[in-house]
Protein backbone atom coordinates (compact mmCIF):
# COMPACT_ATOMS: atom_id res chain seq x y z
CA MET A 1 -33.46 49.46 12.73
CA SER A 2 -34.27 45.95 14.08
CA SER A 3 -32.37 44.33 17.32
CA PRO A 4 -29.09 42.01 17.04
CA ARG A 5 -29.91 38.37 17.39
CA LEU A 6 -28.94 36.87 19.99
CA PRO A 7 -26.79 33.53 20.20
CA ARG A 8 -29.85 30.54 20.47
CA GLU A 9 -29.52 26.95 21.36
CA THR A 10 -30.48 24.92 17.93
CA ARG A 11 -31.90 20.99 18.15
CA SER A 12 -31.96 18.41 15.33
CA SER A 13 -35.36 17.35 13.89
CA GLY A 14 -34.31 14.11 14.89
CA LEU A 15 -32.62 11.33 12.60
CA GLU A 16 -33.21 11.05 8.99
CA PRO A 17 -34.21 7.12 8.22
CA LEU A 18 -31.37 4.65 8.23
CA ALA A 19 -31.51 1.96 5.39
CA VAL A 20 -30.31 -0.14 8.33
CA LEU A 21 -29.74 -0.28 11.91
CA PRO A 22 -25.61 -0.47 12.34
CA VAL A 23 -25.41 -2.91 15.12
CA PHE A 24 -22.05 -4.60 16.72
CA VAL A 25 -22.78 -8.19 17.43
CA THR A 26 -20.86 -9.50 20.24
CA LEU A 27 -19.28 -13.11 19.23
CA GLN A 28 -16.24 -14.02 21.83
CA GLY A 29 -16.30 -17.35 22.23
CA ARG A 30 -19.55 -18.39 20.52
CA ARG A 31 -19.63 -20.25 17.60
CA ALA A 32 -20.49 -19.64 13.66
CA VAL A 33 -20.57 -21.54 10.81
CA LEU A 34 -18.90 -20.24 7.08
CA ALA A 35 -19.97 -23.00 4.30
CA GLY A 36 -18.39 -22.14 0.79
CA ALA A 37 -15.49 -21.50 -0.71
CA ASN A 38 -16.38 -18.38 -3.07
CA GLY A 39 -13.62 -15.07 -2.87
CA GLY A 40 -15.11 -13.58 0.17
CA ALA A 41 -15.19 -16.55 1.82
CA ALA A 42 -11.17 -16.61 3.36
CA TRP A 43 -11.20 -12.92 4.47
CA LYS A 44 -15.00 -13.45 6.16
CA ALA A 45 -13.73 -16.81 8.08
CA LYS A 46 -10.92 -13.91 9.49
CA LEU A 47 -13.48 -11.55 10.57
CA LEU A 48 -14.82 -13.76 12.19
CA ALA A 49 -12.05 -15.61 14.39
CA ALA A 50 -10.81 -11.85 14.74
CA ALA A 51 -14.44 -11.40 16.07
CA GLY A 52 -13.44 -13.90 19.06
CA ALA A 53 -15.75 -16.78 17.18
CA HIS A 54 -15.51 -20.47 17.11
CA VAL A 55 -15.65 -20.96 13.41
CA ASP A 56 -16.00 -24.32 11.52
CA VAL A 57 -15.98 -23.73 7.91
CA PHE A 58 -17.18 -26.44 5.52
CA ALA A 59 -16.07 -26.41 1.89
CA PRO A 60 -14.99 -29.73 -0.26
CA GLU A 61 -12.97 -27.92 -2.64
CA PRO A 62 -11.16 -25.34 -0.32
CA THR A 63 -9.06 -21.89 -2.06
CA ASP A 64 -5.49 -21.96 -0.95
CA GLU A 65 -6.29 -18.84 0.98
CA LEU A 66 -9.22 -20.22 2.35
CA ARG A 67 -6.36 -23.77 3.71
CA ALA A 68 -4.52 -21.19 5.08
CA ALA A 69 -6.76 -19.08 7.32
CA PRO A 70 -6.69 -21.45 10.68
CA ALA A 71 -2.88 -20.21 10.52
CA GLU A 72 -3.56 -16.43 10.39
CA THR A 73 -6.20 -16.00 12.98
CA VAL A 74 -5.71 -12.77 15.27
CA ALA A 75 -8.07 -14.22 17.70
CA GLY A 76 -10.86 -16.99 18.01
CA ARG A 77 -10.10 -19.80 16.37
CA ILE A 78 -10.97 -21.60 12.56
CA VAL A 79 -11.48 -25.37 11.90
CA LEU A 80 -11.59 -26.18 8.68
CA HIS A 81 -14.04 -29.32 6.98
CA GLU A 82 -13.37 -30.06 3.66
CA ARG A 83 -16.97 -31.60 2.83
CA ASP A 84 -20.31 -30.44 2.65
CA TRP A 85 -22.25 -29.00 5.27
CA ASN A 86 -25.31 -30.52 6.87
CA PRO A 87 -28.30 -28.98 9.53
CA ALA A 88 -26.68 -30.89 12.18
CA ASP A 89 -23.50 -28.50 11.66
CA LEU A 90 -25.45 -25.31 12.67
CA ASP A 91 -27.10 -26.46 16.43
CA GLY A 92 -25.82 -23.77 18.30
CA ALA A 93 -24.61 -21.07 15.42
CA ALA A 94 -24.66 -17.83 16.79
CA PHE A 95 -23.69 -16.62 13.54
CA ALA A 96 -23.52 -18.07 9.94
CA ILE A 97 -22.39 -17.27 6.65
CA THR A 98 -22.78 -19.11 3.10
CA ALA A 99 -20.05 -18.38 0.70
CA HIS A 100 -21.42 -20.53 -2.42
CA GLU A 101 -21.74 -19.58 -6.04
CA ASP A 102 -25.27 -21.13 -6.61
CA GLU A 103 -28.10 -19.17 -5.55
CA GLU A 104 -29.70 -21.90 -4.39
CA GLU A 105 -27.53 -23.63 -2.41
CA CYS A 106 -27.02 -20.32 -1.10
CA ALA A 107 -30.98 -20.55 -0.02
CA GLY A 108 -31.24 -23.40 1.38
CA PHE A 109 -27.88 -22.68 3.38
CA VAL A 110 -30.30 -19.57 5.05
CA ALA A 111 -32.87 -21.40 5.35
CA ALA A 112 -31.43 -23.71 7.92
CA ALA A 113 -29.41 -21.54 9.18
CA ARG A 114 -31.84 -19.06 10.08
CA GLN A 115 -33.87 -22.61 11.64
CA ALA A 116 -31.47 -22.76 13.82
CA GLY A 117 -31.68 -19.67 15.37
CA ALA A 118 -28.22 -18.04 14.15
CA ILE A 119 -28.22 -14.41 12.29
CA VAL A 120 -27.25 -15.11 8.34
CA ASN A 121 -24.77 -13.33 6.11
CA ALA A 122 -24.81 -14.54 2.56
CA ILE A 123 -21.44 -13.55 0.46
CA ASP A 124 -22.37 -11.04 -2.32
CA ARG A 125 -26.45 -11.46 -1.88
CA PRO A 126 -28.13 -9.04 0.00
CA HIS A 127 -31.27 -10.01 -0.68
CA LEU A 128 -30.72 -13.56 1.52
CA CYS A 129 -28.74 -11.84 4.26
CA ASP A 130 -30.12 -10.80 7.84
CA VAL A 131 -26.92 -8.37 8.33
CA SER A 132 -24.30 -6.80 5.94
CA PHE A 133 -20.64 -6.42 6.96
CA GLY A 134 -19.72 -2.88 6.30
CA ALA A 135 -15.84 -1.36 6.00
CA ILE A 136 -14.10 -1.73 8.70
CA VAL A 137 -11.82 0.81 10.19
CA ASN A 138 -10.01 -0.85 13.07
CA ARG A 139 -8.38 0.93 15.95
CA SER A 140 -9.86 -1.73 18.90
CA PRO A 141 -11.35 -0.70 21.08
CA LEU A 142 -12.40 1.73 18.68
CA VAL A 143 -14.53 0.25 15.53
CA VAL A 144 -15.80 1.66 12.80
CA GLY A 145 -18.07 0.43 10.36
CA ILE A 146 -19.40 1.61 7.37
CA SER A 147 -22.53 -0.09 5.37
CA THR A 148 -23.84 0.42 1.76
CA GLU A 149 -26.73 -1.93 2.42
CA GLY A 150 -24.56 -5.02 0.96
CA ALA A 151 -25.03 -3.26 -2.21
CA ALA A 152 -21.06 -1.53 -3.11
CA PRO A 153 -18.37 -3.02 -1.09
CA VAL A 154 -15.65 -1.89 -3.08
CA PHE A 155 -17.54 1.30 -2.86
CA GLY A 156 -17.13 1.16 1.19
CA GLN A 157 -13.68 -0.04 1.42
CA THR A 158 -13.03 3.22 -0.33
CA VAL A 159 -14.95 5.41 1.89
CA ARG A 160 -13.10 3.90 4.83
CA ALA A 161 -9.68 5.07 3.79
CA ARG A 162 -11.16 8.87 3.69
CA ILE A 163 -13.74 8.29 6.35
CA GLU A 164 -16.78 11.00 7.56
CA ALA A 165 -14.90 14.43 6.94
CA MET A 166 -14.58 13.92 2.76
CA LEU A 167 -18.21 12.00 2.74
CA PRO A 168 -20.04 13.92 0.12
CA ALA A 169 -23.81 14.38 0.19
CA GLY A 170 -24.62 13.34 -2.84
CA PHE A 171 -23.20 9.23 -2.13
CA LYS A 172 -26.72 8.48 -1.22
CA ALA A 173 -27.71 8.86 -4.73
CA TRP A 174 -24.96 6.42 -5.64
CA VAL A 175 -25.44 4.27 -3.45
CA ALA A 176 -28.74 4.07 -4.07
CA ALA A 177 -27.94 3.92 -7.79
CA ALA A 178 -25.17 0.78 -6.43
CA ARG A 179 -28.63 -1.24 -4.94
CA ASP A 180 -30.54 -1.07 -8.18
CA TRP A 181 -28.43 -1.92 -10.46
CA ARG A 182 -26.45 -4.91 -8.68
CA ALA A 183 -28.37 -7.78 -9.96
CA THR A 184 -28.12 -6.18 -13.61
CA VAL A 185 -24.27 -6.04 -13.24
CA GLY A 186 -24.75 -9.57 -11.67
CA ALA A 187 -26.85 -11.31 -14.59
CA ARG A 188 -23.83 -9.97 -17.13
CA TYR A 189 -20.75 -10.67 -15.19
CA GLN A 190 -20.74 -14.42 -13.79
CA ALA A 191 -16.97 -14.39 -12.44
CA PHE A 192 -15.94 -11.94 -9.87
CA ALA A 193 -12.76 -10.40 -11.28
CA GLU A 194 -15.02 -8.96 -13.84
CA ARG A 195 -17.60 -7.81 -11.18
CA ARG A 196 -15.31 -5.99 -9.06
CA ALA A 197 -13.85 -4.50 -11.91
CA PHE A 198 -16.82 -2.90 -12.54
CA TRP A 199 -17.62 -1.43 -8.96
CA GLU A 200 -14.46 -0.58 -9.64
CA ARG A 201 -14.95 1.66 -12.31
CA PHE A 202 -18.12 2.29 -10.56
CA THR A 203 -16.80 3.87 -7.56
CA ASP A 204 -14.13 5.90 -9.32
CA ARG A 205 -16.78 7.76 -11.19
CA ALA A 206 -18.97 8.32 -8.27
CA PHE A 207 -15.72 9.67 -6.43
CA ALA A 208 -15.15 12.27 -9.69
CA GLU A 209 -18.99 13.29 -9.78
CA PRO A 210 -20.15 12.99 -6.39
CA ASP A 211 -22.82 16.09 -6.03
CA ARG A 212 -24.86 14.70 -9.45
CA ALA A 213 -27.51 11.76 -9.63
CA PRO A 214 -26.29 8.98 -11.25
CA ARG A 215 -28.53 7.99 -14.56
CA ARG A 216 -29.03 4.95 -16.78
CA ALA A 217 -26.21 6.40 -19.21
CA ASP A 218 -23.93 6.03 -16.50
CA LEU A 219 -24.56 1.81 -15.99
CA ASP A 220 -24.78 2.03 -20.20
CA ASP A 221 -20.85 3.79 -20.02
CA LEU A 222 -19.70 1.76 -16.70
CA MET A 223 -20.65 -1.71 -18.34
CA ALA A 224 -19.03 -0.66 -21.74
CA GLU A 225 -15.65 0.25 -20.09
CA THR A 226 -15.82 -3.16 -18.21
CA ASP A 227 -16.55 -5.14 -21.83
CA ALA A 228 -14.03 -3.00 -23.18
CA GLY A 229 -11.54 -4.08 -20.43
CA PRO A 230 -8.09 -6.52 -20.16
CA ARG A 231 -9.19 -10.25 -19.04
CA GLY A 232 -7.78 -11.91 -17.24
CA GLY A 233 -4.70 -11.20 -14.62
CA SER A 234 -2.67 -8.20 -14.77
CA VAL A 235 0.81 -6.74 -12.86
CA VAL A 236 1.53 -3.27 -11.55
CA LEU A 237 4.67 -2.48 -10.58
CA VAL A 238 3.79 0.34 -7.91
CA GLY A 239 6.33 2.40 -6.10
CA ALA A 240 5.71 3.15 -2.65
CA GLY A 241 8.05 5.29 -1.60
CA PRO A 242 11.27 5.74 0.74
CA GLY A 243 9.20 4.63 3.69
CA ASP A 244 6.51 8.14 4.70
CA ALA A 245 2.99 6.32 4.19
CA GLU A 246 1.62 9.81 3.52
CA LEU A 247 4.15 10.15 0.41
CA LEU A 248 2.20 7.63 -1.60
CA THR A 249 0.57 8.58 -4.92
CA LEU A 250 -3.70 8.72 -5.46
CA LYS A 251 -2.46 5.89 -8.50
CA ALA A 252 -0.63 3.71 -5.66
CA LEU A 253 -3.93 3.65 -3.06
CA ARG A 254 -5.51 2.26 -6.03
CA ALA A 255 -3.76 -0.24 -7.06
CA LEU A 256 -3.29 -1.71 -3.54
CA ARG A 257 -6.83 -1.03 -3.06
CA SER A 258 -7.83 -3.64 -6.41
CA ALA A 259 -5.18 -5.89 -6.04
CA ASP A 260 -5.27 -9.48 -5.60
CA VAL A 261 -1.94 -10.54 -4.63
CA ILE A 262 0.80 -8.36 -3.18
CA LEU A 263 4.61 -8.98 -3.79
CA TYR A 264 6.94 -7.21 -1.69
CA ASP A 265 10.54 -5.89 -0.95
CA ASP A 266 11.72 -5.58 3.07
CA LEU A 267 12.48 -2.48 2.35
CA VAL A 268 8.49 -1.64 1.94
CA ALA A 269 7.58 -0.13 5.22
CA PRO A 270 4.58 -2.05 6.82
CA GLU A 271 2.70 0.62 7.12
CA ILE A 272 2.31 0.56 3.65
CA LEU A 273 0.32 -2.55 3.33
CA ASP A 274 -2.43 -1.19 5.48
CA TYR A 275 -3.77 0.18 2.57
CA ALA A 276 -4.45 -2.55 0.56
CA ARG A 277 -7.51 -4.25 0.29
CA ARG A 278 -7.95 -6.15 3.27
CA GLU A 279 -8.97 -9.42 0.94
CA ALA A 280 -5.53 -9.27 -1.22
CA ARG A 281 -2.55 -12.33 -0.53
CA THR A 282 0.75 -10.44 0.50
CA MET A 283 3.62 -12.25 -0.69
CA LEU A 284 7.06 -10.66 0.83
CA VAL A 285 9.85 -11.19 -1.71
CA GLY A 286 13.13 -10.42 0.03
CA LYS A 287 15.39 -7.97 -2.06
CA THR A 288 17.40 -6.71 0.32
CA GLY A 289 20.49 -5.24 -0.07
CA HIS A 290 23.61 -6.95 0.59
CA GLY A 291 20.97 -9.66 2.60
CA PRO A 292 19.51 -12.38 1.35
CA SER A 293 17.30 -12.23 -1.28
CA CYS A 294 14.24 -14.02 -3.57
CA ARG A 295 16.08 -14.47 -7.12
CA GLN A 296 14.81 -12.47 -9.69
CA ASP A 297 14.27 -15.15 -11.96
CA ASP A 298 11.98 -16.46 -9.69
CA ILE A 299 10.10 -13.12 -8.89
CA ASN A 300 9.69 -13.31 -12.24
CA ALA A 301 8.29 -16.60 -12.54
CA LEU A 302 5.92 -16.08 -9.35
CA MET A 303 4.63 -12.52 -10.93
CA VAL A 304 4.10 -14.33 -14.27
CA SER A 305 2.34 -17.32 -12.58
CA LEU A 306 -0.28 -15.46 -10.33
CA ALA A 307 -1.32 -13.22 -13.19
CA ARG A 308 -1.89 -16.56 -15.76
CA SER A 309 -4.42 -17.57 -12.80
CA GLY A 310 -6.19 -14.87 -13.39
CA LYS A 311 -4.43 -12.82 -10.06
CA ARG A 312 -4.35 -8.55 -10.06
CA VAL A 313 -0.67 -8.81 -8.76
CA VAL A 314 0.87 -5.20 -7.58
CA ARG A 315 4.83 -5.29 -7.53
CA LEU A 316 5.49 -3.23 -4.78
CA LYS A 317 9.16 -1.94 -4.78
CA ALA A 318 9.76 1.20 -2.11
CA GLY A 319 10.81 4.44 -3.64
CA ASP A 320 10.46 4.07 -7.12
CA PRO A 321 10.23 0.70 -9.27
CA LEU A 322 12.12 2.96 -12.06
CA VAL A 323 15.62 4.12 -10.32
CA PHE A 324 17.92 0.95 -9.74
CA GLY A 325 14.23 -1.47 -8.68
CA ARG A 326 15.09 -4.13 -11.47
CA ALA A 327 11.99 -2.74 -12.83
CA GLY A 328 13.39 -3.27 -16.61
CA GLU A 329 13.80 -7.17 -15.78
CA GLU A 330 10.34 -7.50 -14.23
CA ILE A 331 8.86 -5.56 -17.41
CA GLU A 332 10.52 -7.48 -20.08
CA ALA A 333 9.30 -10.52 -18.26
CA CYS A 334 5.65 -9.84 -18.12
CA ARG A 335 6.02 -8.58 -22.04
CA ALA A 336 7.59 -11.91 -23.00
CA ALA A 337 4.33 -13.80 -21.25
CA GLY A 338 2.15 -11.74 -22.53
CA ILE A 339 0.72 -10.17 -19.69
CA PRO A 340 -0.42 -7.00 -19.28
CA VAL A 341 2.03 -4.67 -17.24
CA SER A 342 2.35 -1.04 -16.19
CA VAL A 343 3.86 1.22 -13.53
CA VAL A 344 3.04 3.83 -10.66
CA PRO A 345 6.04 5.43 -10.42
CA GLY A 346 7.06 6.47 -6.59
CA VAL A 347 8.95 9.10 -4.43
CA THR A 348 12.36 8.00 -4.99
CA ALA A 349 14.55 8.09 -1.86
CA ALA A 350 16.70 10.90 -3.26
CA GLN A 351 13.52 13.01 -3.23
CA GLY A 352 12.42 11.72 0.31
CA ALA A 353 15.70 12.21 1.75
CA ALA A 354 16.18 15.80 -0.04
CA ALA A 355 12.53 17.05 1.49
CA SER A 356 13.05 15.18 5.08
CA LEU A 357 15.90 17.15 5.38
CA GLY A 358 14.98 20.54 4.17
CA PHE A 359 17.28 21.28 0.87
CA SER A 360 17.51 21.52 -2.56
CA LEU A 361 19.62 18.83 -3.96
CA THR A 362 19.91 21.48 -7.38
CA HIS A 363 20.15 24.36 -5.59
CA ARG A 364 21.10 26.86 -8.43
CA ASP A 365 23.85 28.63 -6.41
CA ALA A 366 26.00 25.27 -6.35
CA ALA A 367 24.55 22.71 -8.60
CA ARG A 368 24.49 22.37 -12.45
CA ARG A 369 23.55 18.07 -12.43
CA LEU A 370 22.24 15.78 -10.69
CA GLN A 371 23.42 12.60 -10.66
CA TYR A 372 21.91 9.51 -9.61
CA VAL A 373 24.27 6.18 -9.53
CA THR A 374 24.50 2.62 -8.06
CA GLY A 375 26.93 1.93 -5.39
CA HIS A 376 26.86 -1.76 -6.75
CA ASP A 377 26.54 -4.01 -9.80
CA ARG A 378 25.32 -7.30 -10.39
CA ARG A 379 28.13 -9.26 -8.14
CA GLY A 380 27.69 -6.94 -5.75
CA ALA A 381 31.11 -5.15 -6.43
CA LEU A 382 31.72 -1.21 -7.18
CA PRO A 383 31.06 -0.98 -11.28
CA ASP A 384 34.21 -0.76 -13.66
CA ASP A 385 31.96 1.40 -15.90
CA LEU A 386 31.39 4.19 -13.76
CA ASN A 387 31.58 8.16 -14.83
CA TRP A 388 34.02 8.79 -12.62
CA ALA A 389 34.94 12.16 -14.82
CA ALA A 390 31.71 13.02 -13.71
CA LEU A 391 31.59 12.15 -10.16
CA SER A 392 34.32 14.06 -9.59
CA GLU A 393 32.63 17.66 -9.65
CA PRO A 394 31.95 19.15 -6.55
CA SER A 395 29.04 21.17 -8.99
CA VAL A 396 26.96 18.40 -9.73
CA THR A 397 24.85 16.55 -6.88
CA THR A 398 25.34 12.95 -6.75
CA VAL A 399 23.37 10.52 -5.15
CA ILE A 400 24.66 6.98 -4.61
CA TYR A 401 21.85 4.34 -3.52
CA MET A 402 22.83 0.85 -2.27
CA PRO A 403 26.15 2.60 -1.08
CA LYS A 404 27.19 0.51 1.92
CA ARG A 405 29.82 -2.20 0.81
CA THR A 406 31.30 0.05 -1.51
CA LEU A 407 30.99 3.63 -0.03
CA GLY A 408 34.76 3.60 1.18
CA ALA A 409 35.89 2.88 -2.20
CA LEU A 410 33.76 5.03 -4.71
CA LEU A 411 34.73 8.09 -2.26
CA ALA A 412 38.15 6.86 -2.12
CA ARG A 413 38.43 6.46 -6.07
CA ALA A 414 36.15 9.76 -6.79
CA VAL A 415 38.63 12.08 -4.42
CA ALA A 416 41.56 10.57 -6.94
CA GLY A 417 39.87 11.44 -9.56
CA GLY A 418 39.94 15.53 -9.19
CA LEU A 419 36.45 15.59 -6.49
CA PRO A 420 37.90 17.85 -3.39
CA PRO A 421 38.73 15.78 -0.15
CA GLY A 422 35.98 18.35 1.38
CA THR A 423 32.66 18.33 -0.57
CA PRO A 424 30.25 18.15 1.18
CA ALA A 425 28.16 14.60 1.88
CA LEU A 426 25.80 13.00 3.52
CA ALA A 427 24.31 9.15 4.36
CA VAL A 428 20.66 9.05 5.18
CA PHE A 429 19.65 5.71 7.09
CA ASN A 430 15.82 5.05 6.57
CA ALA A 431 14.52 8.28 4.77
CA THR A 432 11.13 9.69 5.62
CA ARG A 433 10.75 7.42 8.72
CA PRO A 434 10.50 7.65 12.22
CA GLU A 435 13.96 6.45 12.50
CA GLN A 436 16.02 8.22 10.31
CA VAL A 437 19.78 8.24 11.00
CA VAL A 438 21.59 11.60 8.77
CA VAL A 439 25.51 10.56 9.02
CA GLN A 440 27.06 14.04 8.41
CA GLY A 441 30.88 14.92 6.83
CA SER A 442 32.61 15.24 3.20
CA ALA A 443 34.23 13.14 0.79
CA ALA A 444 36.89 12.23 2.48
CA THR A 445 35.45 11.54 5.62
CA LEU A 446 31.78 9.93 5.56
CA ALA A 447 32.90 6.52 5.15
CA ASP A 448 34.80 6.31 7.94
CA ARG A 449 32.02 8.19 9.82
CA VAL A 450 29.22 5.60 8.49
CA ALA A 451 30.98 2.94 9.90
CA ALA A 452 31.46 4.57 12.98
CA SER A 453 27.94 5.11 13.83
CA GLY A 454 26.45 1.32 13.48
CA ALA A 455 23.50 2.92 11.62
CA GLU A 456 21.54 0.35 9.97
CA GLY A 457 18.67 -0.07 6.98
CA PRO A 458 18.21 1.66 3.82
CA ALA A 459 20.94 4.51 3.03
CA ILE A 460 21.76 6.66 0.40
CA VAL A 461 24.74 8.99 0.49
CA MET A 462 24.65 12.55 -1.60
CA VAL A 463 27.30 14.72 -2.47
CA GLY A 464 28.24 17.58 -3.85
CA ASP A 465 27.87 21.21 -3.02
CA ALA A 466 24.43 21.94 -3.13
CA VAL A 467 24.42 19.19 -0.01
CA GLY A 468 26.51 21.30 2.06
CA ARG A 469 23.62 24.61 1.43
CA GLY A 470 21.87 22.51 3.78
CA ALA A 471 24.59 19.88 5.92
CA ARG A 472 24.13 22.98 8.50
CA ALA A 473 20.57 22.68 8.80
CA VAL A 474 20.43 19.08 9.92
CA ILE A 475 24.02 19.13 11.93
CA ASP A 476 22.35 19.59 15.33
CA GLU A 477 19.60 17.10 14.15
CA ALA A 478 22.30 14.51 13.41
CA ALA A 479 23.88 14.76 17.00
CA ALA A 480 20.99 14.04 18.05
CA PHE A 481 20.76 10.20 16.76
CA LEU A 482 24.66 9.86 16.92
CA PRO A 483 26.99 9.86 19.56
CA ALA A 484 28.85 13.12 19.09
CA ASP A 485 32.29 11.49 18.04
CA THR A 486 30.80 10.94 14.82
CA VAL A 487 29.14 13.97 14.33
CA SER A 488 31.32 17.12 13.39
CA ASP A 489 31.07 20.82 12.21
CA ASP A 490 32.80 20.12 9.62
CA THR A 491 30.93 22.54 6.98
CA ARG A 492 32.33 25.19 9.00
CA ALA A 493 35.85 24.24 7.84
CA ALA A 494 34.33 23.33 3.80
CA PRO A 495 35.21 26.18 1.44
CA GLU A 496 32.85 28.23 -0.71
CA PRO A 497 29.91 28.29 -1.45
CA LEU A 498 29.39 26.59 2.35
CA SER A 499 29.95 30.13 4.31
CA ARG A 500 27.01 31.29 2.07
CA VAL A 501 24.00 28.56 3.79
CA GLY A 502 20.93 30.71 4.14
CA GLU A 503 21.09 33.02 0.77
CA GLY A 504 17.49 32.54 -1.75
CA GLN A 505 16.82 29.04 -2.46
CA GLY A 506 16.53 27.85 -5.65
């Protein structure tokens, strides 16, 4: 019988071959030069400045994004010179970037920059680069850089979101293919948007089939798909969910990472924008309940105008765009203008709030129907055409969106129409977010309790016997957020079925 094996120390045989050496360059207080104004210029200038560099940008015809860059720096500085560069501009530069569209101009700049002793990068031309930019995870002073040797920037950005724990070993073959195919793709697609569309399809296929090596047939298929794809701009309405960024769908993440422009509302949680493509423009279009808001017609016009200019526009909305999100008007505006439009649904506030509180909206012992209603009409008043008979049934779970201004009148009219005054009711502010607040009561008391609580933020109200099944579980949590006199144990005095809390779930 053989002896048992003993623990022993093992050591790696050494590093695997490196395609590039990952190094980090200190640019704090040093001079950098960027010349040209192609699609990646503004982001590269801001990236240099973020590292503390003093960046001089030379562009006779700067884009709007490049004009805005000096005001958007978080460190360092950017100075825009609206003229062509000359060799003297490179004196003293530690880092230089060419953002020209023309290959000959790029090569001339690279030669002059090297002569001046600068480290050189040429956007979208890895063969001219001394160094390449990778995808960055920024948690300074911890910075993680991911490189694909300049072969597949879109691929690298997707990897950034998943980080090393989800890096399949087979990615090596796909990156090698990207390097080998890049010249072919660049010759086939002259427009930046078309090249990006190809590499997005490439990335999707690589993630779908990471354990096999790509073949020439993959290149042919991807180019055929790109050729058949839509030309010009498009609009995608994306549901951002009620607030928790982890509730975003994979399709929503993909849309954010491919957007050129993101139009978002105040109610969208700021951390959700962190998932957007770094070069994407983000524009606040200010849709808030009962507060200063952009006109819907102006939003429609901006969305259509951007798409007509060739941009891929994401219209980012809190919750689900198809649930009281004015999606219908925006879809109609796009279709009327001949703009391709699609919708990515999101987790609506009712689902998010119920999930965060841990109860079922449709408990089989308490609810026969689930209905969503709006608390106000176009004028901000209580809608005249609500089905008051439906609202008077305690066996129906009613979810009221945008309820703050009209809550008292709505519940009073529902009670007058036959809804039992003791019907359990909850108001949830900032559902799924760290600052979530719960106000608990009944159909007769909730409006006064909400007013007394002083709670702020987007709110949703849920009414019905099914709400009571979960209300007792959140009383203590609500008390932790609110003054003692605003939270009471209404559930203990309420009629059946509240006394059966804890029975089997539906």
